[in-house]
Protein backbone atom coordinates (compact mmCIF):
# COMPACT_ATOMS: atom_id res chain seq x y z
CA MET A 1 -31.86 5.04 -35.23
CA LYS A 2 -35.78 4.22 -35.14
CA THR A 3 -35.29 2.07 -32.14
CA LYS A 4 -33.38 4.78 -30.28
CA ASN A 5 -36.08 7.46 -31.13
CA LYS A 6 -38.72 5.14 -30.03
CA THR A 7 -37.02 4.41 -26.72
CA SER A 8 -36.40 8.16 -26.20
CA ARG A 9 -40.17 8.76 -26.73
CA GLN A 10 -41.00 6.11 -24.25
CA ASN A 11 -38.75 7.66 -21.52
CA SER A 12 -40.22 11.08 -22.07
CA GLU A 13 -43.68 9.55 -21.62
CA VAL A 14 -42.61 7.64 -18.50
CA LEU A 15 -41.67 10.89 -16.62
CA LYS A 16 -45.32 12.21 -17.08
CA LEU A 17 -46.74 8.97 -15.45
CA THR A 18 -47.91 8.52 -11.83
CA ARG A 19 -45.92 6.42 -9.35
CA VAL A 20 -47.88 3.32 -9.89
CA GLU A 21 -47.80 3.75 -13.74
CA ARG A 22 -44.05 4.28 -13.62
CA VAL A 23 -43.72 0.91 -11.64
CA MET A 24 -45.52 -0.96 -14.58
CA LYS A 25 -43.63 0.77 -17.34
CA THR A 26 -39.83 1.09 -16.13
CA THR A 27 -37.81 -1.97 -16.78
CA SER A 28 -35.67 -1.38 -13.71
CA GLN A 29 -38.70 -1.76 -11.42
CA SER A 30 -40.28 -4.69 -13.08
CA SER A 31 -39.08 -7.58 -11.03
CA TRP A 32 -41.86 -9.96 -12.38
CA LYS A 33 -41.46 -9.80 -16.22
CA ARG A 34 -38.73 -10.01 -18.98
CA PRO A 35 -37.58 -6.59 -20.41
CA GLN A 36 -39.19 -5.57 -23.69
CA LYS A 37 -37.30 -6.13 -27.07
CA ALA A 38 -36.34 -2.42 -27.30
CA PHE A 39 -34.56 -2.74 -23.96
CA TRP A 40 -32.39 -5.73 -25.24
CA ASP A 41 -31.66 -3.96 -28.57
CA GLN A 42 -30.15 -0.84 -26.87
CA THR A 43 -28.32 -2.17 -23.54
CA LEU A 44 -25.31 -3.96 -22.98
CA THR A 45 -26.09 -7.58 -21.78
CA SER A 46 -24.70 -9.10 -18.58
CA ALA A 47 -23.51 -5.69 -17.38
CA SER A 48 -21.42 -5.45 -14.15
CA ILE A 49 -18.87 -3.03 -12.79
CA ASP A 50 -15.95 -3.37 -10.23
CA CYS A 51 -16.53 -1.04 -7.46
CA GLY A 52 -13.42 -1.74 -5.63
CA TRP A 53 -15.17 -3.62 -2.80
CA GLY A 54 -16.92 -5.98 -5.15
CA GLN A 55 -18.89 -6.32 -8.31
CA MET A 56 -22.11 -4.70 -9.00
CA LEU A 57 -24.35 -6.78 -11.20
CA PHE A 58 -27.25 -5.24 -13.14
CA GLY A 59 -29.64 -8.25 -13.01
CA HIS A 60 -32.21 -6.94 -15.70
CA THR A 61 -29.30 -7.01 -18.29
CA PHE A 62 -28.82 -10.74 -17.97
CA GLU A 63 -30.59 -13.05 -20.27
CA SER A 64 -30.66 -15.91 -17.82
CA LEU A 65 -30.82 -16.26 -14.07
CA GLU A 66 -28.42 -19.10 -14.27
CA GLY A 67 -25.70 -16.88 -15.75
CA LEU A 68 -26.42 -14.35 -13.26
CA LYS A 69 -26.15 -16.87 -10.48
CA ASP A 70 -22.71 -17.91 -11.61
CA ARG A 71 -21.51 -14.52 -11.81
CA LEU A 72 -22.79 -13.42 -8.37
CA CYS A 73 -21.29 -16.43 -6.77
CA ASP A 74 -17.98 -15.82 -8.34
CA GLU A 75 -16.92 -13.70 -5.55
CA ARG A 76 -13.24 -13.00 -4.71
CA VAL A 77 -12.30 -13.43 -1.08
CA GLY A 78 -12.93 -10.36 1.10
CA ALA A 79 -15.37 -8.95 -1.55
CA ARG A 80 -18.97 -8.23 -1.47
CA ASN A 81 -20.85 -8.73 -4.94
CA ILE A 82 -24.40 -7.39 -5.22
CA ALA A 83 -27.04 -8.10 -7.87
CA LEU A 84 -29.64 -5.35 -8.33
CA TYR A 85 -32.72 -4.97 -10.53
CA LEU A 86 -33.65 -8.67 -10.51
CA ARG A 87 -36.27 -10.41 -12.36
CA ASP A 88 -37.76 -13.04 -10.06
CA PRO A 89 -35.28 -12.55 -7.11
CA HIS A 90 -36.88 -15.56 -5.12
CA VAL A 91 -36.08 -17.74 -8.12
CA LEU A 92 -32.40 -16.57 -8.23
CA THR A 93 -31.83 -17.34 -4.58
CA SER A 94 -33.35 -20.89 -5.17
CA LEU A 95 -30.73 -21.71 -7.77
CA ALA A 96 -28.12 -21.41 -4.97
CA PRO A 97 -29.78 -21.47 -1.57
CA GLN A 98 -26.65 -22.31 0.28
CA GLU A 99 -24.79 -19.38 -1.16
CA LEU A 100 -27.32 -16.65 -1.92
CA PHE A 101 -29.86 -14.65 0.12
CA LEU A 102 -32.20 -11.89 -0.35
CA ASP A 103 -30.98 -8.60 1.07
CA PRO A 104 -33.42 -7.28 3.88
CA SER A 105 -32.94 -3.83 2.49
CA HIS A 106 -35.45 -1.13 0.79
CA THR A 107 -34.72 0.50 -2.44
CA PHE A 108 -35.42 4.16 -2.79
CA ARG A 109 -35.71 6.21 -5.96
CA ILE A 110 -35.78 9.91 -6.50
CA TRP A 111 -36.99 11.23 -9.95
CA PHE A 112 -34.95 14.26 -10.56
CA GLU A 113 -37.86 16.59 -11.62
CA ASN A 114 -39.05 16.09 -7.85
CA TYR A 115 -35.67 17.14 -6.49
CA ARG A 116 -35.22 20.62 -4.64
CA PRO A 117 -31.82 22.11 -3.97
CA ALA A 118 -30.77 23.06 -0.39
CA ARG A 119 -31.17 26.66 0.58
CA SER A 120 -27.69 26.79 2.23
CA SER A 121 -24.28 25.08 1.85
CA MET A 122 -21.56 23.96 4.39
CA LYS A 123 -18.74 26.33 3.95
CA HIS A 124 -16.30 24.45 6.27
CA ILE A 125 -16.57 21.32 4.03
CA SER A 126 -15.25 20.87 0.45
CA ILE A 127 -16.32 18.06 -1.71
CA ARG A 128 -14.06 16.69 -4.47
CA ARG A 129 -13.62 13.55 -6.63
CA ALA A 130 -11.20 10.81 -5.53
CA GLU A 131 -8.44 10.58 -8.08
CA CYS A 132 -5.38 8.51 -6.60
CA LYS A 133 -4.27 5.78 -4.45
CA ALA A 134 -3.71 8.18 -1.62
CA ASP A 135 -7.58 8.99 -1.91
CA ILE A 136 -8.38 5.23 -1.68
CA GLU A 137 -6.28 5.03 1.48
CA LYS A 138 -8.42 7.81 3.11
CA ILE A 139 -11.60 6.30 1.95
CA ASN A 140 -10.76 2.89 3.14
CA LEU A 141 -9.72 4.29 6.67
CA LEU A 142 -13.33 5.70 6.80
CA LEU A 143 -15.04 2.52 5.45
CA GLU A 144 -13.21 0.48 8.24
CA LYS A 145 -14.45 3.00 10.91
CA ARG A 146 -18.03 2.22 9.76
CA ARG A 147 -17.34 -1.41 9.40
CA MET A 148 -17.82 -1.51 5.65
CA VAL A 149 -15.89 -3.47 3.00
CA ARG A 150 -12.48 -1.75 1.90
CA ILE A 151 -11.61 -0.97 -1.56
CA SER A 152 -9.28 -3.71 -2.82
CA GLU A 153 -5.56 -3.02 -3.25
CA LYS A 154 -5.88 -4.47 -6.66
CA PHE A 155 -8.45 -1.85 -7.64
CA ASN A 156 -6.93 0.26 -10.35
CA PRO A 157 -6.92 4.06 -9.27
CA LYS A 158 -7.36 4.85 -12.99
CA ASP A 159 -10.88 3.69 -12.83
CA LEU A 160 -11.57 6.64 -10.39
CA ILE A 161 -11.32 9.05 -13.27
CA GLY A 162 -13.63 7.21 -15.77
CA SER A 163 -17.20 8.14 -16.49
CA LYS A 164 -18.82 4.84 -15.21
CA LEU A 165 -17.96 5.18 -11.42
CA ILE A 166 -17.14 8.11 -9.29
CA TYR A 167 -16.14 8.41 -5.51
CA PHE A 168 -16.76 11.87 -3.96
CA MET A 169 -14.78 12.77 -0.66
CA ALA A 170 -15.94 15.41 1.86
CA GLU A 171 -12.91 17.11 3.39
CA GLU A 172 -12.71 19.56 6.31
CA ARG A 173 -11.20 22.65 4.66
CA GLY A 174 -8.60 23.27 7.28
CA THR A 175 -7.13 19.81 8.17
CA LYS A 176 -8.30 18.01 4.74
CA SER A 177 -9.38 15.22 6.80
CA CYS A 178 -11.91 12.91 5.04
CA GLN A 179 -15.35 13.40 6.71
CA ALA A 180 -17.46 11.42 4.35
CA VAL A 181 -17.54 9.54 1.18
CA VAL A 182 -19.98 8.27 -1.41
CA MET A 183 -19.86 6.40 -4.72
CA GLY A 184 -22.13 6.87 -7.65
CA LEU A 185 -22.72 4.63 -10.71
CA ASP A 186 -23.86 5.98 -14.06
CA HIS A 187 -26.08 3.29 -15.50
CA LEU A 188 -26.05 4.88 -18.97
CA GLU A 189 -22.26 4.77 -19.15
CA ILE A 190 -22.08 1.19 -17.84
CA PHE A 191 -24.72 -0.62 -19.91
CA ASN A 192 -26.47 2.20 -22.10
CA ASP A 193 -29.51 2.32 -19.79
CA PRO A 194 -32.49 3.68 -21.88
CA GLU A 195 -33.94 4.91 -18.58
CA LYS A 196 -30.81 7.05 -17.90
CA GLY A 197 -30.68 5.99 -14.28
CA CYS A 198 -27.87 6.07 -11.80
CA SER A 199 -27.33 4.85 -8.26
CA LEU A 200 -25.82 5.67 -4.88
CA TRP A 201 -23.56 3.44 -2.88
CA SER A 202 -20.98 3.39 -0.03
CA LEU A 203 -22.31 6.38 1.76
CA ALA A 204 -20.23 6.65 4.88
CA VAL A 205 -19.67 9.56 7.41
CA ASP A 206 -17.15 9.72 10.09
CA PRO A 207 -18.72 8.85 13.41
CA HIS A 208 -16.82 11.82 14.96
CA ALA A 209 -17.77 14.34 12.25
CA LYS A 210 -18.03 17.76 13.77
CA TRP A 211 -20.83 19.13 11.43
CA PRO A 212 -24.33 17.64 11.31
CA GLY A 213 -25.72 17.10 7.94
CA ILE A 214 -22.76 15.72 6.07
CA GLY A 215 -24.63 12.63 4.91
CA GLU A 216 -27.36 14.69 3.45
CA LEU A 217 -24.82 17.01 1.81
CA MET A 218 -23.16 13.90 0.09
CA VAL A 219 -26.50 12.63 -1.22
CA ARG A 220 -27.46 16.07 -2.50
CA HIS A 221 -24.06 16.50 -4.23
CA LEU A 222 -24.28 13.20 -5.98
CA ILE A 223 -27.81 13.97 -7.14
CA GLU A 224 -26.75 17.31 -8.58
CA HIS A 225 -23.78 15.89 -10.24
CA TYR A 226 -25.95 13.28 -12.23
CA MET A 227 -28.69 15.96 -12.96
CA THR A 228 -25.97 18.01 -14.68
CA LYS A 229 -25.30 14.96 -16.83
CA GLY A 230 -28.96 14.66 -17.79
CA ARG A 231 -29.91 11.47 -15.96
CA SER A 232 -33.47 10.79 -14.89
CA TYR A 233 -33.36 9.35 -11.41
CA LEU A 234 -31.01 7.92 -8.71
CA ASP A 235 -31.64 4.80 -6.66
CA LEU A 236 -30.22 3.77 -3.40
CA SER A 237 -30.41 0.80 -1.03
CA VAL A 238 -30.96 1.16 2.78
CA MET A 239 -31.44 -1.39 5.48
CA HIS A 240 -35.35 -1.67 6.32
CA ASN A 241 -34.65 -0.75 9.89
CA ASN A 242 -32.53 2.31 9.39
CA GLN A 243 -35.23 4.79 10.23
CA ARG A 244 -32.94 7.90 10.51
CA ALA A 245 -31.60 7.28 7.00
CA ILE A 246 -35.20 6.62 5.51
CA LYS A 247 -36.59 9.64 7.17
CA LEU A 248 -33.71 11.63 5.48
CA TYR A 249 -34.36 10.02 2.04
CA GLU A 250 -38.18 10.70 2.14
CA LYS A 251 -37.44 14.33 3.17
CA LEU A 252 -35.38 14.62 0.06
CA LYS A 253 -38.47 13.26 -2.03
CA PHE A 254 -37.19 9.69 -2.62
CA GLU A 255 -39.83 7.01 -3.03
CA ARG A 256 -39.70 3.42 -2.24
CA VAL A 257 -39.63 1.12 -5.30
CA PRO A 258 -39.98 -2.61 -5.80
CA VAL A 259 -36.34 -3.27 -6.44
CA PHE A 260 -34.51 -6.12 -4.76
CA CYS A 261 -30.86 -7.13 -3.94
CA VAL A 262 -29.36 -10.51 -3.75
CA LYS A 263 -25.92 -11.03 -2.06
CA ASN A 264 -23.59 -13.93 -1.23
CA LYS A 265 -23.60 -15.55 2.15
CA ASN A 266 -20.15 -14.56 3.37
CA ALA A 267 -18.71 -13.53 6.79
CA TYR A 268 -19.29 -9.81 6.15
CA ASN A 269 -23.06 -10.29 5.23
CA GLU A 270 -23.65 -12.68 8.17
CA PRO A 271 -25.62 -10.43 10.14
CA LEU A 272 -28.14 -9.89 7.29
CA TYR A 273 -29.07 -13.57 6.88
CA MET A 274 -28.32 -14.99 10.23
CA ALA A 275 -30.59 -14.08 13.06
CA PRO A 276 -28.32 -13.31 16.20
CA GLU A 277 -28.72 -15.50 19.26
CA ALA A 278 -31.24 -13.79 21.71
CA GLY A 279 -29.33 -11.48 24.19
CA THR A 280 -25.88 -11.87 22.48
CA SER A 281 -25.32 -8.28 21.15
CA LEU A 282 -22.61 -6.58 23.24
CA ASN A 283 -21.07 -3.22 23.20
CA PRO A 284 -18.52 -2.34 20.33
CA TYR A 285 -15.46 -3.13 22.50
CA ALA A 286 -16.63 -6.73 22.96
CA GLU A 287 -18.10 -7.20 19.53
CA ILE A 288 -14.80 -6.38 17.72
CA ILE A 289 -13.21 -9.20 19.59
CA ILE A 290 -16.03 -11.72 19.14
CA ARG A 291 -16.28 -10.90 15.45
CA GLU A 292 -12.56 -11.80 15.01
CA ALA A 293 -12.90 -14.88 17.18
CA ARG A 294 -15.86 -16.24 15.09
CA ARG A 295 -14.01 -15.47 11.90
CA ARG A 296 -11.19 -17.93 13.08
CA GLY A 297 -13.76 -20.59 14.16
CA ILE A 298 -13.41 -19.92 17.84
CA GLY A 299 -16.37 -20.64 19.97
CA VAL A 300 -18.12 -17.80 21.65
CA GLU A 301 -20.40 -18.01 24.72
CA ILE A 302 -22.14 -14.87 26.30
CA LEU A 303 -21.88 -15.15 30.07
CA ASP A 304 -23.12 -11.73 31.02
CA LYS A 305 -24.34 -9.34 28.47
CA GLN A 306 -24.76 -6.33 30.56
CA SER A 307 -21.01 -6.59 31.91
CA ALA A 308 -19.85 -7.72 28.41
CA ILE A 309 -18.46 -11.00 29.91
CA PHE A 310 -17.94 -13.79 27.42
CA SER A 311 -15.73 -16.85 26.92
CA LEU A 312 -13.73 -17.99 24.00
CA SER A 313 -13.06 -21.73 23.34
CA PHE A 314 -10.76 -23.46 20.89
CA GLY A 315 -8.66 -26.65 20.81
CA GLY A 316 -9.79 -27.63 24.43
CA ARG A 317 -8.91 -24.28 25.95
CA THR A 318 -11.44 -21.79 27.16
CA ILE A 319 -10.52 -18.19 28.23
CA THR A 320 -13.03 -15.80 29.94
CA CYS A 321 -12.93 -12.13 28.86
CA GLN A 322 -14.61 -8.79 29.84
CA GLU A 323 -14.00 -6.96 26.67
CA SER A 324 -10.18 -7.02 26.47
CA LEU A 325 -9.52 -7.94 30.11
CA THR A 326 -8.88 -11.67 30.48
CA GLU A 327 -7.77 -14.37 32.81
CA MET A 328 -4.27 -13.77 31.49
CA THR A 329 -4.05 -10.57 33.50
CA SER A 330 -3.24 -11.38 37.06
CA ALA A 331 -4.96 -9.79 40.00
CA ILE A 332 -1.70 -8.06 40.89
CA ALA A 333 -1.43 -6.59 37.40
CA LEU A 334 -4.95 -5.57 37.54
CA LEU A 335 -4.33 -3.71 40.89
CA ARG A 336 -1.22 -1.89 39.61
CA CYS A 337 -3.30 -0.42 36.54
CA SER A 338 -6.69 0.23 38.31
CA HIS A 339 -5.26 2.05 41.45
CA LYS A 340 -3.64 5.19 39.77
CA PRO A 341 -0.96 6.06 42.51
CA THR A 342 0.27 2.51 42.22
CA THR A 343 0.58 2.83 38.50
CA LEU A 344 2.82 5.87 38.68
CA LYS A 345 4.95 4.35 41.50
CA VAL A 346 5.70 1.09 39.49
CA LEU A 347 6.29 3.33 36.33
CA LYS A 348 8.57 5.76 38.20
CA ALA A 349 10.45 2.73 39.58
CA ALA A 350 11.01 1.55 36.12
CA GLY A 351 12.78 4.79 35.21
CA LEU A 352 9.75 6.28 33.23
CA LYS A 353 8.66 9.86 33.41
CA VAL A 354 5.49 10.50 35.48
CA PRO A 355 3.90 13.86 36.89
CA ASP A 356 3.93 14.91 40.54
CA GLN A 357 0.88 13.39 42.31
CA MET A 358 -0.55 13.08 45.85
CA ILE A 359 -3.63 11.55 47.55
CA VAL A 360 -6.00 14.11 49.14
CA THR A 361 -5.77 13.98 52.95
CA SER A 362 -6.75 17.44 53.86
CA LYS A 363 -7.88 20.71 52.44
CA LYS A 364 -4.71 22.45 53.39
CA SER A 365 -2.38 19.84 51.66
CA ALA A 366 -4.77 20.09 48.55
CA GLU A 367 -4.61 23.70 48.38
CA GLU A 368 -0.69 23.71 48.90
CA PHE A 369 -0.42 21.34 45.96
CA LEU A 370 -2.49 23.61 43.73
CA LYS A 371 -0.28 26.53 44.75
CA LYS A 372 2.87 24.64 43.95
CA HIS A 373 1.72 23.64 40.55
CA ARG A 374 -0.98 26.38 39.56
CA GLY A 375 -2.78 23.91 37.34
CA ILE A 376 -3.74 20.35 38.50
CA VAL A 377 -5.89 17.44 37.45
CA VAL A 378 -8.31 16.05 40.04
CA LYS A 379 -9.63 12.51 39.70
CA PRO A 380 -10.68 9.23 41.74
CA ALA A 381 -7.86 6.98 42.71
CA VAL A 382 -9.74 4.24 41.04
CA GLY A 383 -11.86 4.56 37.92
CA GLU A 384 -12.12 4.68 34.23
CA GLN A 385 -13.83 6.12 31.23
CA GLY A 386 -13.05 9.68 32.55
CA ASN A 387 -15.57 9.46 35.35
CA GLY A 388 -15.12 12.14 37.95
CA VAL A 389 -11.95 13.69 36.29
CA ALA A 390 -11.50 17.37 36.25
CA VAL A 391 -8.72 18.91 34.11
CA ASN A 392 -6.60 22.04 34.58
CA ILE A 393 -8.05 23.14 37.84
CA ARG A 394 -6.62 26.62 38.76
CA SER A 395 -8.54 27.96 41.68
CA ILE A 396 -9.48 27.07 45.31
CA SER A 397 -13.16 27.07 44.62
CA GLN A 398 -12.76 24.84 41.54
CA LEU A 399 -10.42 22.62 43.32
CA HIS A 400 -13.07 21.87 46.31
CA LYS A 401 -15.94 21.38 43.77
CA ALA A 402 -13.74 18.91 41.82
CA ILE A 403 -12.64 16.96 44.92
CA GLY A 404 -16.27 16.60 45.85
CA MET A 405 -17.18 15.41 42.28
CA ALA A 406 -14.16 12.90 42.20
CA GLY A 407 -15.27 11.74 45.66
CA GLY A 408 -18.49 10.58 44.22
CA PHE A 409 -16.73 7.88 42.28
CA GLY A 410 -14.60 6.47 44.91
CA ASP A 411 -13.25 6.70 48.50
CA SER A 412 -9.88 8.21 47.49
CA VAL A 413 -9.09 11.27 45.38
CA ILE A 414 -5.75 12.12 43.78
CA LEU A 415 -4.41 15.49 42.61
CA GLU A 416 -1.82 15.46 39.74
CA ARG A 417 0.23 18.14 38.06
CA TYR A 418 -1.46 19.26 34.90
CA CYS A 419 0.75 18.65 31.94
CA LYS A 420 -0.15 20.62 28.85
CA GLY A 421 0.20 18.89 25.47
CA ILE A 422 -1.20 16.16 23.14
CA ASP A 423 -2.99 13.32 24.68
CA LEU A 424 -1.63 9.97 23.39
CA ARG A 425 -3.14 6.40 23.89
CA ILE A 426 -0.95 3.55 23.00
CA VAL A 427 -2.24 -0.02 23.01
CA VAL A 428 0.18 -2.72 23.80
CA ILE A 429 -0.54 -6.38 23.37
CA ASP A 430 1.84 -9.25 24.43
CA PHE A 431 4.40 -6.53 25.28
CA VAL A 432 4.42 -5.01 21.78
CA MET A 433 2.93 -1.88 20.72
CA VAL A 434 -0.13 -2.42 18.34
CA ALA A 435 -1.70 0.99 17.95
CA ALA A 436 -1.11 4.62 18.91
CA SER A 437 -3.88 7.25 18.55
CA VAL A 438 -4.06 10.90 19.60
CA ARG A 439 -7.20 11.43 21.71
CA ARG A 440 -9.15 14.64 21.09
CA ALA A 441 -11.37 16.26 23.49
CA PRO A 442 -15.08 16.56 22.35
CA SER A 443 -16.13 19.76 20.68
CA VAL A 444 -19.04 21.36 18.85
CA VAL A 445 -19.18 23.76 15.86
CA GLY A 446 -21.52 26.82 16.02
CA ASN A 447 -23.98 27.47 13.21
CA ALA A 448 -25.43 30.80 14.39
CA GLU A 449 -28.74 29.28 15.41
CA ASP A 450 -28.33 26.73 18.24
CA THR A 451 -27.16 27.20 21.68
CA ILE A 452 -24.19 25.07 22.81
CA GLN A 453 -26.51 22.89 24.95
CA SER A 454 -28.40 22.13 21.72
CA LEU A 455 -25.27 21.50 19.60
CA ILE A 456 -24.10 19.10 22.39
CA ALA A 457 -27.59 17.22 22.14
CA LYS A 458 -27.14 16.87 18.35
CA ARG A 459 -23.69 15.79 18.67
CA ASN A 460 -24.67 13.22 21.05
CA ARG A 461 -27.46 11.78 18.77
CA ARG A 462 -24.87 11.14 16.21
CA LEU A 463 -22.39 9.71 18.76
CA HIS A 464 -25.06 7.43 20.18
CA ALA A 465 -25.94 6.05 16.57
CA ALA A 466 -22.11 5.55 15.74
CA THR A 467 -21.12 3.97 18.95
CA PHE A 468 -24.14 2.07 19.93
CA GLY A 469 -24.87 4.29 23.13
CA GLU A 470 -21.13 3.91 24.34
CA SER A 471 -20.26 7.60 23.72
CA LYS A 472 -22.03 10.73 25.18
CA ILE A 473 -20.80 14.14 26.04
CA PRO A 474 -22.10 14.78 29.52
CA VAL A 475 -23.67 18.09 30.50
CA ASP A 476 -22.35 18.52 34.16
CA TYR A 477 -20.19 20.63 36.21
CA GLU A 478 -16.97 19.92 34.24
CA THR A 479 -18.57 20.90 30.89
CA GLU A 480 -19.95 24.07 32.48
CA ARG A 481 -16.43 24.93 33.95
CA CYS A 482 -14.86 24.23 30.65
CA LEU A 483 -17.10 26.58 29.05
CA LYS A 484 -16.76 29.35 31.65
CA ASN A 485 -13.03 29.30 31.23
CA GLN A 486 -13.81 30.37 27.74
CA LYS A 487 -16.29 32.90 28.77
CA LEU A 488 -19.14 30.82 27.48
CA LYS A 489 -22.37 29.22 28.76
CA LEU A 490 -24.57 26.45 27.80
CA SER A 491 -26.94 29.01 26.62
CA THR A 492 -24.46 30.65 24.20
CA VAL A 493 -25.34 30.62 20.56
CA LEU A 494 -21.95 30.26 18.75
CA GLU A 495 -21.22 32.10 15.43
CA ASP A 496 -21.16 29.97 12.30
CA GLY A 497 -18.07 27.87 12.08
CA ARG A 498 -16.64 28.48 15.60
CA GLU A 499 -15.34 25.45 17.11
CA VAL A 500 -15.36 25.13 20.98
CA ILE A 501 -14.01 22.44 23.19
CA VAL A 502 -16.68 21.48 25.72
CA ARG A 503 -14.64 19.12 27.93
CA LEU A 504 -10.99 18.78 28.44
CA THR A 505 -11.14 15.09 29.15
CA PRO A 506 -10.46 13.25 25.78
CA ASN A 507 -12.16 9.81 26.84
CA LEU A 508 -14.16 8.21 24.12
CA HIS A 509 -17.06 7.38 26.61
CA THR A 510 -17.39 11.32 27.27
CA GLY A 511 -17.44 12.23 23.48
CA GLY A 512 -13.75 12.21 22.65
CA SER A 513 -12.28 10.84 19.39
CA LEU A 514 -9.17 9.01 18.20
CA VAL A 515 -6.88 9.70 15.38
CA ASP A 516 -4.38 7.08 14.36
CA VAL A 517 -0.76 7.99 14.34
CA THR A 518 0.88 4.59 14.64
CA ASP A 519 3.03 4.99 11.59
CA LYS A 520 4.08 8.48 12.62
CA LEU A 521 5.10 7.76 16.13
CA HIS A 522 8.66 8.45 17.37
CA PRO A 523 10.49 5.14 17.99
CA HIS A 524 11.27 6.17 21.65
CA LEU A 525 7.45 6.50 22.45
CA LYS A 526 7.07 2.92 21.19
CA GLU A 527 9.98 1.85 23.35
CA VAL A 528 8.71 3.51 26.66
CA ALA A 529 5.14 2.17 26.17
CA GLU A 530 6.62 -1.50 25.79
CA THR A 531 8.73 -0.82 28.86
CA ALA A 532 5.78 0.28 30.91
CA ALA A 533 3.74 -2.84 29.94
CA LYS A 534 6.67 -5.00 31.15
CA ALA A 535 7.01 -3.10 34.37
CA LEU A 536 3.28 -3.38 35.07
CA LYS A 537 3.50 -7.13 34.00
CA ILE A 538 0.33 -6.86 31.95
CA PRO A 539 -0.25 -8.57 28.55
CA VAL A 540 -2.94 -6.20 27.26
CA VAL A 541 -2.87 -2.55 28.27
CA GLY A 542 -3.71 1.10 27.15
CA LEU A 543 -1.27 3.56 28.19
CA ASP A 544 -2.20 7.35 28.36
CA LEU A 545 0.69 9.83 27.80
CA ILE A 546 1.08 13.54 27.36
CA ILE A 547 3.42 14.48 24.64
CA ASP A 548 4.75 17.63 22.76
CA ASP A 549 4.48 16.01 19.33
CA VAL A 550 3.93 12.33 17.94
CA GLN A 551 7.40 12.71 16.12
CA LYS A 552 9.28 13.90 19.15
CA PRO A 553 10.57 11.70 22.14
CA GLU A 554 9.22 13.86 25.08
CA TYR A 555 6.60 12.38 27.20
CA VAL A 556 5.09 11.95 30.49
CA PHE A 557 2.92 8.93 31.57
CA ILE A 558 -0.57 9.71 33.04
CA GLU A 559 -2.51 6.33 33.43
CA ALA A 560 -2.62 2.70 32.41
CA ASN A 561 -6.02 1.15 31.51
CA GLU A 562 -6.20 -2.73 32.20
CA ARG A 563 -9.30 -3.14 29.85
CA PRO A 564 -8.39 -0.82 26.86
CA GLY A 565 -11.03 -0.42 24.13
CA LEU A 566 -9.82 -2.10 21.00
CA ALA A 567 -12.47 -0.56 18.75
CA ASN A 568 -11.84 2.85 16.96
CA HIS A 569 -8.16 2.18 16.22
CA GLU A 570 -8.71 1.56 12.62
CA PRO A 571 -6.71 0.58 10.48
CA GLN A 572 -4.51 -1.11 13.16
CA PRO A 573 -5.15 -4.78 13.78
CA THR A 574 -6.06 -4.60 17.44
CA ALA A 575 -8.53 -7.50 17.66
CA ASP A 576 -6.26 -9.64 15.31
CA LYS A 577 -3.41 -9.24 17.89
CA PHE A 578 -5.55 -9.78 20.77
CA ILE A 579 -6.79 -13.15 19.48
CA ASP A 580 -3.19 -14.13 18.41
CA LEU A 581 -2.23 -13.51 22.07
CA LEU A 582 -5.13 -15.83 23.35
CA PHE A 583 -5.04 -18.49 20.71
CA PRO A 584 -1.56 -18.54 18.89
CA GLN A 585 -2.34 -21.72 17.03
CA THR A 586 -4.90 -19.58 15.03
CA LYS A 587 -2.47 -16.84 14.29
CA ILE A 588 -2.77 -15.57 10.78
CA TYR A 589 0.79 -14.67 9.46
CA GLU A 590 1.25 -11.64 7.27
CA ALA A 591 2.24 -13.80 4.30
CA ALA A 592 -1.18 -15.56 4.33
CA ARG A 593 -3.10 -12.36 4.62
């Protein structure tokens, strides 16, 4: 009892100290000396906890670095162990230099007496605690989108409702879709921490979240959760070059502290301890393929960074790729997909449903086509990524402007009957459907303060960070036309919570997003997609369809993409199946996964 009272008085005194004095007094920040006897008398030794994605080891509770090294290196396949609050981290890594490395991240701490609550909340987002296996599946889908380690299938969902660990999920009130996740660890519950600390991990926000500020909302929620439990501070680890996150934490009154992480040299952590070769960083659609190839021991050579051209070599065979387009696609198959009128001719000849279409040859014929169908799509005959596409054109003036815009992307312009419905992308590899996703048009949500143009700019900043510059909502004639049809302008200030679609084209490169529906897809839609790939005689293809419902058989084919993006189709194994096609001898069978 005397020891506990003494420790309590010491903690009270620590809160009154300056930042420098705290560093010298608190055990968790003293990476250069052993804890005092009072610390050892009260805490659980060799403390760790299974977070689902790996073990968190509290280094200052280990009596020997050798013992800590053994526990840290005992990492299950696919996991990511972390050791924090280390005494002499440089010595720890020296005990296993081939296996361990010092993580290039900073640790930040907020003392709760410095915290100030937000003045407003997000009424369109609800936050709740994860409680079951279904919640873990939602969390894993989001973690995969952010290229983070999944929670293991062996993780016991009952551990979600304990007092040591907590996962919070942010859900959109209407759709219940998971927009963000964060995990918290209660150090007092885990090892009877005399400092009454806690820590934040696994913060992930959906890259296509509609509302800005969800990350800050999750951090604040976790802080306030632990404040109600009487904790003293919260720590978090952030990459040294993540300036946007660091700026947010400093705004919330976090302070950088001398606390270090050590991790294992595994495939997931490789970017943290291996400097990339100069000029080898490509776009996400190439990187997802390169990562899977390297994981299987396939050689990679970057041939043209700007064009995302690289070669893969294994077993005496070399295949050149531009993202998912390879030498295995013939020139004729490429022509069939890239030239949109040819695509629909081939698919129609195969007995598949396609919309009425024509190549623009004169103003009169174009106007007659519009009069016949009332609503049409205007686009270049050859093109990709939604460039030059105008959807649901209904007036003569709009028609001629759209033809002029499409003409800027090619010599030939086509008109196509506008088909209302759900936009579906199906990826077929080796003539078998691998992934199906609903493509959603880009939108913004009002906050009663910003104009639509300002909301688009903010959304673009988030898209740029999440897609490494590959996705951006253009502000052009098509955007203005879409808004005008809704009696809106770029200068309009939307009321709080109102969502507005700003472009009808759902392409990822122009700000659209994907929602996986592979497991829900009607069998007939899978069948017609595979039939289309065979008709086009192309081994890797992205097929765009308009459908009534993912669980109904009705459809119409719109386009075929000879170089489909394999990223953003989580949790479907698009890159795995692509490498299986190129190098079947490296194929990983389900039984071995």
